[in-house]
């Protein structure tokens, strides 16, 4: 049995969706921290992302998904299995940034000497200040940190993906402390266990395949053999396509995978190059 920690809170829905695409159906009850999963070899625990790395380090969990920021904040000694770029908003990394009100005289971290900073990542912030030789008071924030910047403290260290919330609260970014993405981590003892390690590696492979597939689509088309070379030359992004013969003599089927963002540009070009019966289809996993 593998005990697996998933982040409860802002990353919960995104993580469960990715796990579903990876092939693991997880159902969460509002009355329980022990979700159902359709894998008899897994025990899922929903725990705050801030705490998962500590529970993995101490062996309560064999493995778990949490942000790189919380691994650093907790100073957890764990084995990092893989990085997975997904979040509650976008595919961008989360950034912990030092912020001040737009009209603040603070231009750099040096200007915070003797000032007060509010944040949820106290250890990370103290380390950052020490690196810059700045002595300031760092207090833990239980929430609504953006509001405190205008009334209660001189600066905040807050997490952002797009920066829209900071702009809405009239805050200016002074510096970036850390860029963070979700990581699959394992307890060192569990990683040495042959069965557990194989199970963790399998989940990592499937999860990575599911995430890779999100930004890609499959393309299938028919084209006359005489036009095939021209099509491949005109569209070099069609890397390593699968080409197979059709029952209709002189025609072939071409199948490939491309980034979804370029498909709208590709299809007219494929049509112009002589392709017919063009089919675009979604992918569930892409495993390299």
C-alpha atoms as a PDB file:
ATOM      1  CA  UNK A   1       0.000   0.000   0.000  1.00  0.00           C
ATOM      2  CA  UNK A   2       1.263   3.456  -0.955  1.00  0.00           C
ATOM      3  CA  UNK A   3       0.111   6.424   1.114  1.00  0.00           C
ATOM      4  CA  UNK A   4      -0.137   9.439  -1.181  1.00  0.00           C
ATOM      5  CA  UNK A   5      -0.715  13.048  -0.119  1.00  0.00           C
ATOM      6  CA  UNK A   6      -2.637  15.457  -2.348  1.00  0.00           C
ATOM      7  CA  UNK A   7      -2.823  19.204  -1.645  1.00  0.00           C
ATOM      8  CA  UNK A   8      -6.055  20.394  -0.072  1.00  0.00           C
ATOM      9  CA  UNK A   9      -7.040  23.922  -0.968  1.00  0.00           C
ATOM     10  CA  UNK A  10      -6.217  26.017  -4.032  1.00  0.00           C
ATOM     11  CA  UNK A  11      -4.389  23.238  -5.903  1.00  0.00           C
ATOM     12  CA  UNK A  12      -6.867  20.495  -4.986  1.00  0.00           C
ATOM     13  CA  UNK A  13      -9.191  20.614  -8.002  1.00  0.00           C
ATOM     14  CA  UNK A  14      -6.364  21.037 -10.520  1.00  0.00           C
ATOM     15  CA  UNK A  15      -4.453  18.115  -9.002  1.00  0.00           C
ATOM     16  CA  UNK A  16      -7.457  15.782  -8.950  1.00  0.00           C
ATOM     17  CA  UNK A  17      -8.221  16.678 -12.585  1.00  0.00           C
ATOM     18  CA  UNK A  18      -4.651  15.834 -13.598  1.00  0.00           C
ATOM     19  CA  UNK A  19      -4.773  12.576 -11.643  1.00  0.00           C
ATOM     20  CA  UNK A  20      -8.006  11.667 -13.459  1.00  0.00           C
ATOM     21  CA  UNK A  21      -6.315  12.226 -16.824  1.00  0.00           C
ATOM     22  CA  UNK A  22      -3.447  10.079 -15.598  1.00  0.00           C
ATOM     23  CA  UNK A  23      -5.972   7.271 -14.996  1.00  0.00           C
ATOM     24  CA  UNK A  24      -6.729   7.602 -11.273  1.00  0.00           C
ATOM     25  CA  UNK A  25     -10.359   8.354 -10.430  1.00  0.00           C
ATOM     26  CA  UNK A  26     -10.417  10.220  -7.106  1.00  0.00           C
ATOM     27  CA  UNK A  27     -13.650  11.228  -5.392  1.00  0.00           C
ATOM     28  CA  UNK A  28     -13.597  13.643  -2.468  1.00  0.00           C
ATOM     29  CA  UNK A  29     -16.236  13.788   0.243  1.00  0.00           C
ATOM     30  CA  UNK A  30     -16.830  17.032   2.130  1.00  0.00           C
ATOM     31  CA  UNK A  31     -16.974  15.000   5.342  1.00  0.00           C
ATOM     32  CA  UNK A  32     -13.691  13.115   4.986  1.00  0.00           C
ATOM     33  CA  UNK A  33      -9.987  13.744   4.421  1.00  0.00           C
ATOM     34  CA  UNK A  34      -9.673  10.204   3.017  1.00  0.00           C
ATOM     35  CA  UNK A  35     -10.909  10.327  -0.593  1.00  0.00           C
ATOM     36  CA  UNK A  36     -11.940   7.298  -2.621  1.00  0.00           C
ATOM     37  CA  UNK A  37      -9.541   6.188  -5.362  1.00  0.00           C
ATOM     38  CA  UNK A  38     -10.080   3.357  -7.831  1.00  0.00           C
ATOM     39  CA  UNK A  39      -6.696   1.789  -7.059  1.00  0.00           C
ATOM     40  CA  UNK A  40      -6.514  -0.710  -4.228  1.00  0.00           C
ATOM     41  CA  UNK A  41      -2.780  -0.087  -3.856  1.00  0.00           C
ATOM     42  CA  UNK A  42      -3.255   3.602  -3.043  1.00  0.00           C
ATOM     43  CA  UNK A  43      -4.373   5.420   0.090  1.00  0.00           C
ATOM     44  CA  UNK A  44      -5.043   9.106  -0.586  1.00  0.00           C
ATOM     45  CA  UNK A  45      -4.799  11.779   2.094  1.00  0.00           C
ATOM     46  CA  UNK A  46      -5.890  15.380   1.546  1.00  0.00           C
ATOM     47  CA  UNK A  47      -3.527  17.666   3.438  1.00  0.00           C
ATOM     48  CA  UNK A  48      -2.657  21.344   3.073  1.00  0.00           C
ATOM     49  CA  UNK A  49       0.141  21.857   0.561  1.00  0.00           C
ATOM     50  CA  UNK A  50       2.045  23.781   3.235  1.00  0.00           C
ATOM     51  CA  UNK A  51       2.319  20.606   5.343  1.00  0.00           C
ATOM     52  CA  UNK A  52       2.769  17.796   2.830  1.00  0.00           C
ATOM     53  CA  UNK A  53       6.561  17.961   2.570  1.00  0.00           C
ATOM     54  CA  UNK A  54       6.925  17.604   6.353  1.00  0.00           C
ATOM     55  CA  UNK A  55       4.653  14.550   6.468  1.00  0.00           C
ATOM     56  CA  UNK A  56       6.526  12.984   3.544  1.00  0.00           C
ATOM     57  CA  UNK A  57       9.880  13.688   5.203  1.00  0.00           C
ATOM     58  CA  UNK A  58       8.772  12.089   8.480  1.00  0.00           C
ATOM     59  CA  UNK A  59       7.226   9.057   6.775  1.00  0.00           C
ATOM     60  CA  UNK A  60       3.552   9.579   7.547  1.00  0.00           C
ATOM     61  CA  UNK A  61       3.149   9.827   3.760  1.00  0.00           C
ATOM     62  CA  UNK A  62       5.182   7.777   1.286  1.00  0.00           C
ATOM     63  CA  UNK A  63       4.872  10.468  -1.354  1.00  0.00           C
ATOM     64  CA  UNK A  64       2.860  13.546  -2.197  1.00  0.00           C
ATOM     65  CA  UNK A  65       2.349  16.520  -4.487  1.00  0.00           C
ATOM     66  CA  UNK A  66       3.194  19.959  -3.153  1.00  0.00           C
ATOM     67  CA  UNK A  67       4.789  23.190  -4.281  1.00  0.00           C
ATOM     68  CA  UNK A  68       8.542  23.632  -4.449  1.00  0.00           C
ATOM     69  CA  UNK A  69       8.029  26.750  -2.321  1.00  0.00           C
ATOM     70  CA  UNK A  70       6.750  24.713   0.652  1.00  0.00           C
ATOM     71  CA  UNK A  71       9.601  22.223   0.372  1.00  0.00           C
ATOM     72  CA  UNK A  72      12.009  25.152   0.679  1.00  0.00           C
ATOM     73  CA  UNK A  73       9.971  26.935   3.362  1.00  0.00           C
ATOM     74  CA  UNK A  74       9.875  23.789   5.525  1.00  0.00           C
ATOM     75  CA  UNK A  75      13.471  22.810   4.763  1.00  0.00           C
ATOM     76  CA  UNK A  76      12.201  19.278   4.082  1.00  0.00           C
ATOM     77  CA  UNK A  77      14.670  16.549   3.162  1.00  0.00           C
ATOM     78  CA  UNK A  78      12.749  14.543   0.565  1.00  0.00           C
ATOM     79  CA  UNK A  79      13.424  12.882  -2.779  1.00  0.00           C
ATOM     80  CA  UNK A  80      12.104  14.936  -5.701  1.00  0.00           C
ATOM     81  CA  UNK A  81      10.592  12.586  -8.290  1.00  0.00           C
ATOM     82  CA  UNK A  82       9.381  15.110 -10.838  1.00  0.00           C
ATOM     83  CA  UNK A  83       8.192  18.623 -11.635  1.00  0.00           C
ATOM     84  CA  UNK A  84       4.679  19.149 -12.981  1.00  0.00           C
ATOM     85  CA  UNK A  85       3.742  22.510 -14.435  1.00  0.00           C
ATOM     86  CA  UNK A  86       0.101  23.002 -13.573  1.00  0.00           C
ATOM     87  CA  UNK A  87      -1.781  25.269 -11.212  1.00  0.00           C
ATOM     88  CA  UNK A  88      -5.202  26.580 -10.295  1.00  0.00           C
ATOM     89  CA  UNK A  89      -4.999  29.371 -12.903  1.00  0.00           C
ATOM     90  CA  UNK A  90      -2.460  28.702 -15.619  1.00  0.00           C
ATOM     91  CA  UNK A  91       0.555  26.673 -16.679  1.00  0.00           C
ATOM     92  CA  UNK A  92       2.833  29.388 -15.341  1.00  0.00           C
ATOM     93  CA  UNK A  93       4.988  28.908 -12.231  1.00  0.00           C
ATOM     94  CA  UNK A  94       3.809  30.571  -9.040  1.00  0.00           C
ATOM     95  CA  UNK A  95       6.079  33.422  -7.940  1.00  0.00           C
ATOM     96  CA  UNK A  96       6.719  34.669  -4.412  1.00  0.00           C
ATOM     97  CA  UNK A  97       7.304  38.398  -4.753  1.00  0.00           C
ATOM     98  CA  UNK A  98       8.163  41.296  -2.487  1.00  0.00           C
ATOM     99  CA  UNK A  99       5.462  43.953  -2.854  1.00  0.00           C
ATOM    100  CA  UNK A 100       4.754  47.444  -1.596  1.00  0.00           C
ATOM    101  CA  UNK A 101       1.933  49.933  -2.243  1.00  0.00           C
ATOM    102  CA  UNK A 102       2.262  51.763  -5.571  1.00  0.00           C
ATOM    103  CA  UNK A 103       3.040  55.069  -3.795  1.00  0.00           C
ATOM    104  CA  UNK A 104       5.585  53.572  -1.385  1.00  0.00           C
ATOM    105  CA  UNK A 105       9.084  55.110  -1.359  1.00  0.00           C
ATOM    106  CA  UNK A 106      10.573  51.596  -1.194  1.00  0.00           C
ATOM    107  CA  UNK A 107      12.500  50.876  -4.401  1.00  0.00           C
ATOM    108  CA  UNK A 108      14.575  47.845  -3.328  1.00  0.00           C
ATOM    109  CA  UNK A 109      14.907  45.387  -0.477  1.00  0.00           C
ATOM    110  CA  UNK A 110      17.621  47.625   1.031  1.00  0.00           C
ATOM    111  CA  UNK A 111      14.946  50.228   1.767  1.00  0.00           C
ATOM    112  CA  UNK A 112      13.226  47.810   4.164  1.00  0.00           C
ATOM    113  CA  UNK A 113      15.937  48.024   6.826  1.00  0.00           C
ATOM    114  CA  UNK A 114      14.154  48.184  10.196  1.00  0.00           C
ATOM    115  CA  UNK A 115      10.717  47.870   8.564  1.00  0.00           C
ATOM    116  CA  UNK A 116       7.974  45.255   8.994  1.00  0.00           C
ATOM    117  CA  UNK A 117       6.996  42.593   6.414  1.00  0.00           C
ATOM    118  CA  UNK A 118       3.973  40.264   6.460  1.00  0.00           C
ATOM    119  CA  UNK A 119       3.995  36.895   4.690  1.00  0.00           C
ATOM    120  CA  UNK A 120       3.013  33.258   4.870  1.00  0.00           C
ATOM    121  CA  UNK A 121       6.571  32.163   3.976  1.00  0.00           C
ATOM    122  CA  UNK A 122       8.427  33.483   7.008  1.00  0.00           C
ATOM    123  CA  UNK A 123      11.524  31.283   6.658  1.00  0.00           C
ATOM    124  CA  UNK A 124      11.915  32.026   2.949  1.00  0.00           C
ATOM    125  CA  UNK A 125      11.591  35.765   3.594  1.00  0.00           C
ATOM    126  CA  UNK A 126      14.097  35.749   6.468  1.00  0.00           C
ATOM    127  CA  UNK A 127      16.595  33.873   4.299  1.00  0.00           C
ATOM    128  CA  UNK A 128      16.101  36.387   1.488  1.00  0.00           C
ATOM    129  CA  UNK A 129      16.656  39.350   3.830  1.00  0.00           C
ATOM    130  CA  UNK A 130      19.792  37.738   5.271  1.00  0.00           C
ATOM    131  CA  UNK A 131      21.196  37.258   1.759  1.00  0.00           C
ATOM    132  CA  UNK A 132      20.798  41.002   1.165  1.00  0.00           C
ATOM    133  CA  UNK A 133      22.110  42.017   4.579  1.00  0.00           C
ATOM    134  CA  UNK A 134      18.805  43.570   5.613  1.00  0.00           C
ATOM    135  CA  UNK A 135      17.386  43.385   9.143  1.00  0.00           C
ATOM    136  CA  UNK A 136      13.613  43.691   9.210  1.00  0.00           C
ATOM    137  CA  UNK A 137      10.746  42.277  11.247  1.00  0.00           C
ATOM    138  CA  UNK A 138       8.948  39.400   9.500  1.00  0.00           C
ATOM    139  CA  UNK A 139       5.516  38.423  10.793  1.00  0.00           C
ATOM    140  CA  UNK A 140       3.333  35.492   9.767  1.00  0.00           C
ATOM    141  CA  UNK A 141       0.200  36.446   7.861  1.00  0.00           C
ATOM    142  CA  UNK A 142      -2.952  34.388   8.319  1.00  0.00           C
ATOM    143  CA  UNK A 143      -4.540  35.800   5.177  1.00  0.00           C
ATOM    144  CA  UNK A 144      -5.684  39.011   3.467  1.00  0.00           C
ATOM    145  CA  UNK A 145      -1.998  39.856   3.123  1.00  0.00           C
ATOM    146  CA  UNK A 146      -2.546  42.314   0.246  1.00  0.00           C
ATOM    147  CA  UNK A 147      -4.735  44.526   2.480  1.00  0.00           C
ATOM    148  CA  UNK A 148      -2.095  44.682   5.217  1.00  0.00           C
ATOM    149  CA  UNK A 149       0.426  46.296   2.859  1.00  0.00           C
ATOM    150  CA  UNK A 150      -1.566  49.551   2.890  1.00  0.00           C
ATOM    151  CA  UNK A 151      -2.264  49.808   6.614  1.00  0.00           C
ATOM    152  CA  UNK A 152      -0.386  47.427   8.900  1.00  0.00           C
ATOM    153  CA  UNK A 153       3.050  46.681   7.434  1.00  0.00           C
ATOM    154  CA  UNK A 154       5.620  48.286   5.139  1.00  0.00           C
ATOM    155  CA  UNK A 155       5.757  45.411   2.637  1.00  0.00           C
ATOM    156  CA  UNK A 156       4.470  41.921   1.978  1.00  0.00           C
ATOM    157  CA  UNK A 157       5.829  38.777   0.373  1.00  0.00           C
ATOM    158  CA  UNK A 158       2.960  37.185  -1.522  1.00  0.00           C
ATOM    159  CA  UNK A 159       2.434  34.499  -4.152  1.00  0.00           C
ATOM    160  CA  UNK A 160       1.163  35.345  -7.629  1.00  0.00           C
ATOM    161  CA  UNK A 161       0.807  33.732 -11.035  1.00  0.00           C
ATOM    162  CA  UNK A 162      -0.453  36.510 -13.263  1.00  0.00           C
ATOM    163  CA  UNK A 163      -0.018  39.543 -11.004  1.00  0.00           C
ATOM    164  CA  UNK A 164      -3.653  40.595 -11.541  1.00  0.00           C
ATOM    165  CA  UNK A 165      -4.578  40.416  -7.843  1.00  0.00           C
ATOM    166  CA  UNK A 166      -1.586  42.546  -6.902  1.00  0.00           C
ATOM    167  CA  UNK A 167      -2.470  45.172  -9.508  1.00  0.00           C
ATOM    168  CA  UNK A 168      -6.092  45.168  -8.349  1.00  0.00           C
ATOM    169  CA  UNK A 169      -4.880  45.927  -4.823  1.00  0.00           C
ATOM    170  CA  UNK A 170      -2.590  48.717  -6.105  1.00  0.00           C
ATOM    171  CA  UNK A 171       0.614  46.903  -5.196  1.00  0.00           C
ATOM    172  CA  UNK A 172       3.982  47.154  -6.930  1.00  0.00           C
ATOM    173  CA  UNK A 173       6.449  44.259  -7.213  1.00  0.00           C
ATOM    174  CA  UNK A 174       9.901  45.153  -5.910  1.00  0.00           C
ATOM    175  CA  UNK A 175      11.636  41.805  -6.342  1.00  0.00           C
ATOM    176  CA  UNK A 176      11.036  38.079  -6.892  1.00  0.00           C
ATOM    177  CA  UNK A 177      12.159  35.680  -4.158  1.00  0.00           C
ATOM    178  CA  UNK A 178      11.270  32.311  -5.660  1.00  0.00           C
ATOM    179  CA  UNK A 179       9.612  30.673  -8.652  1.00  0.00           C
ATOM    180  CA  UNK A 180       7.679  27.550  -7.710  1.00  0.00           C
ATOM    181  CA  UNK A 181       5.970  24.656  -9.491  1.00  0.00           C
ATOM    182  CA  UNK A 182       4.228  21.558  -8.119  1.00  0.00           C
ATOM    183  CA  UNK A 183       6.548  18.628  -7.405  1.00  0.00           C
ATOM    184  CA  UNK A 184       5.984  14.938  -6.772  1.00  0.00           C
ATOM    185  CA  UNK A 185       8.146  14.092  -3.765  1.00  0.00           C
ATOM    186  CA  UNK A 186       8.879  10.844  -1.924  1.00  0.00           C
ATOM    187  CA  UNK A 187      10.098   9.818   1.487  1.00  0.00           C
ATOM    188  CA  UNK A 188      13.721   8.587   1.260  1.00  0.00           C
ATOM    189  CA  UNK A 189      12.897   5.262   2.927  1.00  0.00           C
ATOM    190  CA  UNK A 190       9.890   4.690   0.662  1.00  0.00           C
ATOM    191  CA  UNK A 191      12.035   5.490  -2.377  1.00  0.00           C
ATOM    192  CA  UNK A 192      14.451   2.713  -1.404  1.00  0.00           C
ATOM    193  CA  UNK A 193      11.571   0.202  -1.266  1.00  0.00           C
ATOM    194  CA  UNK A 194      11.482  -1.511  -4.678  1.00  0.00           C
ATOM    195  CA  UNK A 195       7.690  -1.899  -4.892  1.00  0.00           C
ATOM    196  CA  UNK A 196       6.901   1.624  -3.655  1.00  0.00           C
ATOM    197  CA  UNK A 197       9.485   3.199  -5.935  1.00  0.00           C
ATOM    198  CA  UNK A 198       8.068   1.399  -8.971  1.00  0.00           C
ATOM    199  CA  UNK A 199       4.548   2.491  -8.035  1.00  0.00           C
ATOM    200  CA  UNK A 200       5.644   6.108  -7.584  1.00  0.00           C
ATOM    201  CA  UNK A 201       7.574   6.113 -10.868  1.00  0.00           C
ATOM    202  CA  UNK A 202       4.550   4.696 -12.704  1.00  0.00           C
ATOM    203  CA  UNK A 203       2.313   7.450 -11.317  1.00  0.00           C
ATOM    204  CA  UNK A 204       4.906  10.050 -12.265  1.00  0.00           C
ATOM    205  CA  UNK A 205       5.077   8.735 -15.832  1.00  0.00           C
ATOM    206  CA  UNK A 206       1.291   8.725 -16.258  1.00  0.00           C
ATOM    207  CA  UNK A 207       0.889  12.140 -14.662  1.00  0.00           C
ATOM    208  CA  UNK A 208       3.595  13.658 -16.849  1.00  0.00           C
ATOM    209  CA  UNK A 209       1.987  12.066 -19.918  1.00  0.00           C
ATOM    210  CA  UNK A 210      -1.389  13.555 -18.995  1.00  0.00           C
ATOM    211  CA  UNK A 211       0.064  17.037 -18.538  1.00  0.00           C
ATOM    212  CA  UNK A 212       2.058  16.831 -21.774  1.00  0.00           C
ATOM    213  CA  UNK A 213      -1.139  15.910 -23.631  1.00  0.00           C
ATOM    214  CA  UNK A 214      -2.993  19.013 -22.458  1.00  0.00           C
ATOM    215  CA  UNK A 215      -1.058  21.337 -24.743  1.00  0.00           C
ATOM    216  CA  UNK A 216      -1.100  19.040 -27.783  1.00  0.00           C
ATOM    217  CA  UNK A 217      -3.570  17.536 -30.243  1.00  0.00           C
ATOM    218  CA  UNK A 218      -3.453  14.763 -32.761  1.00  0.00           C
ATOM    219  CA  UNK A 219      -3.813  15.461 -36.482  1.00  0.00           C
ATOM    220  CA  UNK A 220      -4.797  12.895 -39.106  1.00  0.00           C
ATOM    221  CA  UNK A 221      -5.186  13.502 -42.839  1.00  0.00           C
ATOM    222  CA  UNK A 222      -5.054  11.895 -46.260  1.00  0.00           C
ATOM    223  CA  UNK A 223      -2.870  13.150 -49.073  1.00  0.00           C
ATOM    224  CA  UNK A 224      -1.787  12.041 -52.524  1.00  0.00           C
ATOM    225  CA  UNK A 225       1.669  10.451 -52.446  1.00  0.00           C
ATOM    226  CA  UNK A 226       2.918  12.881 -55.066  1.00  0.00           C
ATOM    227  CA  UNK A 227       2.156  15.789 -52.694  1.00  0.00           C
ATOM    228  CA  UNK A 228       3.595  14.214 -49.528  1.00  0.00           C
ATOM    229  CA  UNK A 229       7.158  15.511 -49.884  1.00  0.00           C
ATOM    230  CA  UNK A 230       5.882  19.020 -50.485  1.00  0.00           C
ATOM    231  CA  UNK A 231       3.630  18.868 -47.424  1.00  0.00           C
ATOM    232  CA  UNK A 232       6.443  17.711 -45.126  1.00  0.00           C
ATOM    233  CA  UNK A 233       8.823  20.317 -46.553  1.00  0.00           C
ATOM    234  CA  UNK A 234       6.318  23.113 -46.166  1.00  0.00           C
ATOM    235  CA  UNK A 235       5.437  22.081 -42.607  1.00  0.00           C
ATOM    236  CA  UNK A 236       8.660  21.106 -40.822  1.00  0.00           C
ATOM    237  CA  UNK A 237       6.804  21.140 -37.495  1.00  0.00           C
ATOM    238  CA  UNK A 238       5.201  17.825 -38.528  1.00  0.00           C
ATOM    239  CA  UNK A 239       8.013  15.893 -36.830  1.00  0.00           C
ATOM    240  CA  UNK A 240       8.222  12.129 -37.218  1.00  0.00           C
ATOM    241  CA  UNK A 241       4.736  11.649 -38.668  1.00  0.00           C
ATOM    242  CA  UNK A 242       3.261   8.202 -39.084  1.00  0.00           C
ATOM    243  CA  UNK A 243       2.659   7.523 -42.779  1.00  0.00           C
ATOM    244  CA  UNK A 244       0.618   4.546 -43.919  1.00  0.00           C
ATOM    245  CA  UNK A 245      -0.831   3.430 -47.246  1.00  0.00           C
ATOM    246  CA  UNK A 246      -4.517   3.648 -48.072  1.00  0.00           C
ATOM    247  CA  UNK A 247      -6.611   1.184 -50.052  1.00  0.00           C
ATOM    248  CA  UNK A 248      -6.891   3.921 -52.679  1.00  0.00           C
ATOM    249  CA  UNK A 249      -3.742   3.612 -54.786  1.00  0.00           C
ATOM    250  CA  UNK A 250      -1.443   6.630 -54.778  1.00  0.00           C
ATOM    251  CA  UNK A 251      -2.756   7.986 -51.480  1.00  0.00           C
ATOM    252  CA  UNK A 252      -1.362   7.832 -47.912  1.00  0.00           C
ATOM    253  CA  UNK A 253      -2.593   8.661 -44.436  1.00  0.00           C
ATOM    254  CA  UNK A 254      -0.467  10.991 -42.303  1.00  0.00           C
ATOM    255  CA  UNK A 255      -0.810  11.146 -38.515  1.00  0.00           C
ATOM    256  CA  UNK A 256       1.138  13.329 -36.086  1.00  0.00           C
ATOM    257  CA  UNK A 257       1.013  15.272 -32.822  1.00  0.00           C
ATOM    258  CA  UNK A 258       1.389  19.062 -32.717  1.00  0.00           C
ATOM    259  CA  UNK A 259       1.042  21.890 -30.211  1.00  0.00           C
ATOM    260  CA  UNK A 260      -2.609  22.909 -29.977  1.00  0.00           C
ATOM    261  CA  UNK A 261      -1.750  26.603 -30.203  1.00  0.00           C
ATOM    262  CA  UNK A 262      -0.495  26.234 -33.800  1.00  0.00           C
ATOM    263  CA  UNK A 263      -3.346  24.096 -35.174  1.00  0.00           C
ATOM    264  CA  UNK A 264      -5.393  27.059 -36.366  1.00  0.00           C
ATOM    265  CA  UNK A 265      -2.428  28.081 -38.533  1.00  0.00           C
ATOM    266  CA  UNK A 266      -1.644  24.511 -39.615  1.00  0.00           C
ATOM    267  CA  UNK A 267      -4.988  23.356 -40.979  1.00  0.00           C
ATOM    268  CA  UNK A 268      -5.298  25.974 -43.779  1.00  0.00           C
ATOM    269  CA  UNK A 269      -1.684  25.216 -44.797  1.00  0.00           C
ATOM    270  CA  UNK A 270      -2.347  21.467 -44.781  1.00  0.00           C
ATOM    271  CA  UNK A 271      -5.396  22.022 -46.968  1.00  0.00           C
ATOM    272  CA  UNK A 272      -3.387  24.220 -49.336  1.00  0.00           C
ATOM    273  CA  UNK A 273      -0.680  21.531 -49.559  1.00  0.00           C
ATOM    274  CA  UNK A 274      -3.252  19.002 -50.797  1.00  0.00           C
ATOM    275  CA  UNK A 275      -4.344  17.291 -47.580  1.00  0.00           C
ATOM    276  CA  UNK A 276      -7.933  16.023 -47.361  1.00  0.00           C
ATOM    277  CA  UNK A 277     -10.102  14.556 -44.619  1.00  0.00           C
ATOM    278  CA  UNK A 278      -8.196  16.460 -41.936  1.00  0.00           C
ATOM    279  CA  UNK A 279      -9.148  15.352 -38.428  1.00  0.00           C
ATOM    280  CA  UNK A 280      -8.072  17.070 -35.205  1.00  0.00           C
ATOM    281  CA  UNK A 281      -8.566  15.084 -31.978  1.00  0.00           C
ATOM    282  CA  UNK A 282      -7.739  15.586 -28.286  1.00  0.00           C
ATOM    283  CA  UNK A 283      -5.135  13.497 -26.486  1.00  0.00           C
ATOM    284  CA  UNK A 284      -5.336  11.934 -23.060  1.00  0.00           C
ATOM    285  CA  UNK A 285      -1.655  11.116 -22.517  1.00  0.00           C
ATOM    286  CA  UNK A 286       1.605  11.658 -24.380  1.00  0.00           C
ATOM    287  CA  UNK A 287       4.341   9.427 -22.959  1.00  0.00           C
ATOM    288  CA  UNK A 288       7.811   9.878 -24.415  1.00  0.00           C
END
